[in-house]
């Protein structure tokens, strides 16, 4: 007999890919705001 409810092993999950940040050099003023805003610390002055 089935109840119509899926068990944990039968559930499917979608992995939603997060958008990757990028910088546009044409808009860079050299102010450093993006560096300060980056919580991971992966942006460095170039």
PDB file of N, CA and C in Angstrom:
ATOM      1  N   UNK A   1       0.848  -1.181   0.000  1.00  0.00           N
ATOM      2  CA  UNK A   1       0.000   0.000   0.000  1.00  0.00           C
ATOM      3  C   UNK A   1       0.894   1.246   0.000  1.00  0.00           C
ATOM      4  N   UNK A   2       0.549   2.221  -0.798  1.00  0.00           N
ATOM      5  CA  UNK A   2       1.318   3.467  -0.821  1.00  0.00           C
ATOM      6  C   UNK A   2       0.464   4.601  -0.298  1.00  0.00           C
ATOM      7  N   UNK A   3       1.127   5.556   0.321  1.00  0.00           N
ATOM      8  CA  UNK A   3       0.408   6.692   0.902  1.00  0.00           C
ATOM      9  C   UNK A   3       0.444   7.914   0.007  1.00  0.00           C
ATOM     10  N   UNK A   4       1.268   7.869  -1.053  1.00  0.00           N
ATOM     11  CA  UNK A   4       1.400   9.037  -1.915  1.00  0.00           C
ATOM     12  C   UNK A   4       2.434  10.029  -1.413  1.00  0.00           C
ATOM     13  N   UNK A   5       3.040   9.737  -0.282  1.00  0.00           N
ATOM     14  CA  UNK A   5       4.068  10.601   0.290  1.00  0.00           C
ATOM     15  C   UNK A   5       5.421   9.956   0.024  1.00  0.00           C
ATOM     16  N   UNK A   6       6.338  10.734  -0.517  1.00  0.00           N
ATOM     17  CA  UNK A   6       7.667  10.209  -0.818  1.00  0.00           C
ATOM     18  C   UNK A   6       8.513  10.124   0.441  1.00  0.00           C
ATOM     19  N   UNK A   7       9.307   9.097   0.499  1.00  0.00           N
ATOM     20  CA  UNK A   7      10.250   8.995   1.610  1.00  0.00           C
ATOM     21  C   UNK A   7      11.470   9.846   1.281  1.00  0.00           C
ATOM     22  N   UNK A   8      12.352  10.022   2.230  1.00  0.00           N
ATOM     23  CA  UNK A   8      13.543  10.847   2.024  1.00  0.00           C
ATOM     24  C   UNK A   8      14.386  10.340   0.865  1.00  0.00           C
ATOM     25  N   UNK A   9      14.489   9.039   0.696  1.00  0.00           N
ATOM     26  CA  UNK A   9      15.334   8.497  -0.361  1.00  0.00           C
ATOM     27  C   UNK A   9      14.740   8.724  -1.747  1.00  0.00           C
ATOM     28  N   UNK A  10      13.462   8.999  -1.838  1.00  0.00           N
ATOM     29  CA  UNK A  10      12.809   9.190  -3.127  1.00  0.00           C
ATOM     30  C   UNK A  10      12.716  10.655  -3.536  1.00  0.00           C
ATOM     31  N   UNK A  11      12.953  11.567  -2.627  1.00  0.00           N
ATOM     32  CA  UNK A  11      12.837  12.989  -2.955  1.00  0.00           C
ATOM     33  C   UNK A  11      13.987  13.413  -3.852  1.00  0.00           C
ATOM     34  N   UNK A  12      13.669  14.250  -4.798  1.00  0.00           N
ATOM     35  CA  UNK A  12      14.716  14.796  -5.655  1.00  0.00           C
ATOM     36  C   UNK A  12      14.921  16.255  -5.292  1.00  0.00           C
ATOM     37  N   UNK A  13      16.148  16.683  -5.365  1.00  0.00           N
ATOM     38  CA  UNK A  13      16.448  18.081  -5.067  1.00  0.00           C
ATOM     39  C   UNK A  13      17.167  18.694  -6.252  1.00  0.00           C
ATOM     40  N   UNK A  14      16.825  19.920  -6.529  1.00  0.00           N
ATOM     41  CA  UNK A  14      17.509  20.662  -7.578  1.00  0.00           C
ATOM     42  C   UNK A  14      18.592  21.500  -6.931  1.00  0.00           C
ATOM     43  N   UNK A  15      19.732  21.493  -7.535  1.00  0.00           N
ATOM     44  CA  UNK A  15      20.825  22.332  -7.058  1.00  0.00           C
ATOM     45  C   UNK A  15      20.782  23.604  -7.882  1.00  0.00           C
ATOM     46  N   UNK A  16      20.512  24.705  -7.213  1.00  0.00           N
ATOM     47  CA  UNK A  16      20.436  25.985  -7.907  1.00  0.00           C
ATOM     48  C   UNK A  16      21.821  26.613  -7.905  1.00  0.00           C
ATOM     49  N   UNK A  17      22.336  26.849  -9.086  1.00  0.00           N
ATOM     50  CA  UNK A  17      23.670  27.443  -9.191  1.00  0.00           C
ATOM     51  C   UNK A  17      23.576  28.933  -8.916  1.00  0.00           C
ATOM     52  N   UNK A  18      24.439  29.402  -8.040  1.00  0.00           N
ATOM     53  CA  UNK A  18      24.467  30.824  -7.709  1.00  0.00           C
ATOM     54  C   UNK A  18      25.204  31.578  -8.804  1.00  0.00           C
ATOM     55  N   UNK A  19      24.740  32.778  -9.118  1.00  0.00           N
ATOM     56  CA  UNK A  19      25.466  33.564 -10.122  1.00  0.00           C
ATOM     57  C   UNK A  19      26.844  33.947  -9.600  1.00  0.00           C
ATOM     58  N   UNK A  20      27.808  33.927 -10.469  1.00  0.00           N
ATOM     59  CA  UNK A  20      29.174  34.278 -10.083  1.00  0.00           C
ATOM     60  C   UNK A  20      29.384  35.779 -10.290  1.00  0.00           C
ATOM     61  N   UNK A  21      29.917  36.455  -9.285  1.00  0.00           N
ATOM     62  CA  UNK A  21      30.157  37.895  -9.430  1.00  0.00           C
ATOM     63  C   UNK A  21      31.279  38.163 -10.423  1.00  0.00           C
ATOM     64  N   UNK A  22      31.179  39.305 -11.064  1.00  0.00           N
ATOM     65  CA  UNK A  22      32.237  39.710 -11.986  1.00  0.00           C
ATOM     66  C   UNK A  22      32.347  41.224 -11.956  1.00  0.00           C
ATOM     67  N   UNK A  23      33.498  41.712 -12.318  1.00  0.00           N
ATOM     68  CA  UNK A  23      33.751  43.151 -12.322  1.00  0.00           C
ATOM     69  C   UNK A  23      33.921  43.622 -13.752  1.00  0.00           C
ATOM     70  N   UNK A  24      33.457  44.809 -14.021  1.00  0.00           N
ATOM     71  CA  UNK A  24      33.614  45.409 -15.339  1.00  0.00           C
ATOM     72  C   UNK A  24      34.683  46.494 -15.244  1.00  0.00           C
ATOM     73  N   UNK A  25      35.864  46.235 -15.755  1.00  0.00           N
ATOM     74  CA  UNK A  25      36.960  47.210 -15.657  1.00  0.00           C
ATOM     75  C   UNK A  25      36.614  48.578 -16.239  1.00  0.00           C
ATOM     76  N   UNK A  26      35.734  48.623 -17.221  1.00  0.00           N
ATOM     77  CA  UNK A  26      35.360  49.901 -17.825  1.00  0.00           C
ATOM     78  C   UNK A  26      34.647  50.817 -16.828  1.00  0.00           C
ATOM     79  N   UNK A  27      34.017  50.222 -15.801  1.00  0.00           N
ATOM     80  CA  UNK A  27      33.287  51.019 -14.811  1.00  0.00           C
ATOM     81  C   UNK A  27      34.089  51.256 -13.529  1.00  0.00           C
ATOM     82  N   UNK A  28      35.299  50.727 -13.460  1.00  0.00           N
ATOM     83  CA  UNK A  28      36.110  50.853 -12.248  1.00  0.00           C
ATOM     84  C   UNK A  28      36.633  52.279 -12.098  1.00  0.00           C
ATOM     85  N   UNK A  29      36.382  52.856 -10.898  1.00  0.00           N
ATOM     86  CA  UNK A  29      36.884  54.195 -10.579  1.00  0.00           C
ATOM     87  C   UNK A  29      38.095  54.114  -9.661  1.00  0.00           C
ATOM     88  N   UNK A  30      38.411  52.904  -9.200  1.00  0.00           N
ATOM     89  CA  UNK A  30      39.528  52.737  -8.277  1.00  0.00           C
ATOM     90  C   UNK A  30      39.195  53.103  -6.848  1.00  0.00           C
ATOM     91  N   UNK A  31      37.909  53.152  -6.505  1.00  0.00           N
ATOM     92  CA  UNK A  31      37.506  53.585  -5.167  1.00  0.00           C
ATOM     93  C   UNK A  31      37.687  52.503  -4.104  1.00  0.00           C
ATOM     94  N   UNK A  32      37.721  51.229  -4.499  1.00  0.00           N
ATOM     95  CA  UNK A  32      37.910  50.145  -3.547  1.00  0.00           C
ATOM     96  C   UNK A  32      36.654  49.666  -2.847  1.00  0.00           C
ATOM     97  N   UNK A  33      35.482  50.171  -3.220  1.00  0.00           N
ATOM     98  CA  UNK A  33      34.241  49.753  -2.556  1.00  0.00           C
ATOM     99  C   UNK A  33      33.962  48.271  -2.757  1.00  0.00           C
ATOM    100  N   UNK A  34      34.288  47.755  -3.933  1.00  0.00           N
ATOM    101  CA  UNK A  34      34.048  46.328  -4.188  1.00  0.00           C
ATOM    102  C   UNK A  34      34.950  45.472  -3.305  1.00  0.00           C
ATOM    103  N   UNK A  35      36.168  45.924  -3.071  1.00  0.00           N
ATOM    104  CA  UNK A  35      37.107  45.191  -2.218  1.00  0.00           C
ATOM    105  C   UNK A  35      36.579  45.161  -0.787  1.00  0.00           C
ATOM    106  N   UNK A  36      36.097  46.286  -0.307  1.00  0.00           N
ATOM    107  CA  UNK A  36      35.558  46.369   1.048  1.00  0.00           C
ATOM    108  C   UNK A  36      34.271  45.557   1.196  1.00  0.00           C
ATOM    109  N   UNK A  37      33.481  45.455   0.132  1.00  0.00           N
ATOM    110  CA  UNK A  37      32.199  44.758   0.193  1.00  0.00           C
ATOM    111  C   UNK A  37      32.327  43.250   0.049  1.00  0.00           C
ATOM    112  N   UNK A  38      33.452  42.766  -0.424  1.00  0.00           N
ATOM    113  CA  UNK A  38      33.636  41.330  -0.663  1.00  0.00           C
ATOM    114  C   UNK A  38      33.855  40.611   0.668  1.00  0.00           C
ATOM    115  N   UNK A  39      32.848  39.844   1.104  1.00  0.00           N
ATOM    116  CA  UNK A  39      32.938  39.165   2.400  1.00  0.00           C
ATOM    117  C   UNK A  39      33.942  38.013   2.388  1.00  0.00           C
ATOM    118  N   UNK A  40      34.246  37.483   1.235  1.00  0.00           N
ATOM    119  CA  UNK A  40      35.202  36.372   1.133  1.00  0.00           C
ATOM    120  C   UNK A  40      36.638  36.858   0.989  1.00  0.00           C
ATOM    121  N   UNK A  41      36.827  38.139   0.706  1.00  0.00           N
ATOM    122  CA  UNK A  41      38.167  38.690   0.569  1.00  0.00           C
ATOM    123  C   UNK A  41      38.897  38.241  -0.684  1.00  0.00           C
ATOM    124  N   UNK A  42      38.152  37.922  -1.728  1.00  0.00           N
ATOM    125  CA  UNK A  42      38.793  37.391  -2.932  1.00  0.00           C
ATOM    126  C   UNK A  42      39.059  38.459  -3.994  1.00  0.00           C
ATOM    127  N   UNK A  43      38.673  39.709  -3.732  1.00  0.00           N
ATOM    128  CA  UNK A  43      38.954  40.791  -4.675  1.00  0.00           C
ATOM    129  C   UNK A  43      40.135  41.581  -4.132  1.00  0.00           C
ATOM    130  N   UNK A  44      41.115  41.778  -4.974  1.00  0.00           N
ATOM    131  CA  UNK A  44      42.292  42.545  -4.572  1.00  0.00           C
ATOM    132  C   UNK A  44      42.525  43.665  -5.580  1.00  0.00           C
ATOM    133  N   UNK A  45      43.154  44.756  -5.155  1.00  0.00           N
ATOM    134  CA  UNK A  45      43.445  45.823  -6.108  1.00  0.00           C
ATOM    135  C   UNK A  45      44.404  45.311  -7.176  1.00  0.00           C
ATOM    136  N   UNK A  46      44.153  45.738  -8.392  1.00  0.00           N
ATOM    137  CA  UNK A  46      44.901  45.153  -9.480  1.00  0.00           C
ATOM    138  C   UNK A  46      45.959  45.954 -10.058  1.00  0.00           C
TER     139      UNK A  46
END
